[in-house]
Amino acid sequence: MSPRRSYDQYCSAARALDLVGDRWTLLIVRELLAGPRRYTDLHADLPGVSTDVLASRLKDMERDGLTTRRRLPPPGAAYVYELTARGRELLPVLQALGSWGEAELGERRPTDAVRAHWFALPLLRALEGEGTVEVRLAEGEFHLRAGAEEGPVYGHGPAPGGADARLELDAATCEAVARGEAGLPDAVRAGRVTVTGDGTLAKALREA
């Protein structure tokens, strides 16, 4: 394990960057906000990262108290990584960074990788209230837990135990919301997002 590098500055921003300023670290946090993940799953959803760099970052994050590693009971018998409470506190940091970066997205480039669940955090920023929301895109399906104070804030596939609202939209609309060009209620009113469900979040989106 490499020794932790430091800016050696008595500044809280510098101290934070000592822990999460390395390339890939915050994107690993983004993936782990979905809950425990196996190394192979993390590598698959972080296109471009080398196996050596990913392993090194995970070791650093475990040392710094941002993640833990545990072995699943049989029949899984695989190791998974998950965020600690300290690591999960990076959610608002990622949300603020994503909001600031909206202007940098532009149109998707031919070389840009994309995963359906990468739209989870932008959509989470666009939701008001609490509840579970399923999102269906051509690229895949995932669910969000708006207002969740602990545990995963999103996950792959349908929501376990059902959802308060279900959203169906195309990639262009989802990208427009992610870029900050379209608000979610505006997209619903324009018929670009189909909302179903009887929960409070579904009603709020239909009535906004």
Foldseek 3Di string as FASTA:
>chain_A
DDDQDAPPDPDVVRVVCSQQVDPPRVVLLVVQLQPWDALVVSPVVDPPDDSVRSVVNQVSCVVVQQKDWDADDPPRRGIIIHGDPVNVVCLVVVLVVLVVCLQVCPDDDPPDDDAVCVLQSLVLVLFDDFWKEWEDEPRAIKMATRPDPDDRGIHGDADVPHTQKYKYAYPVVSSCSSSVNDRQLRCVVVVRIDMDHDHPRSVVSNVD
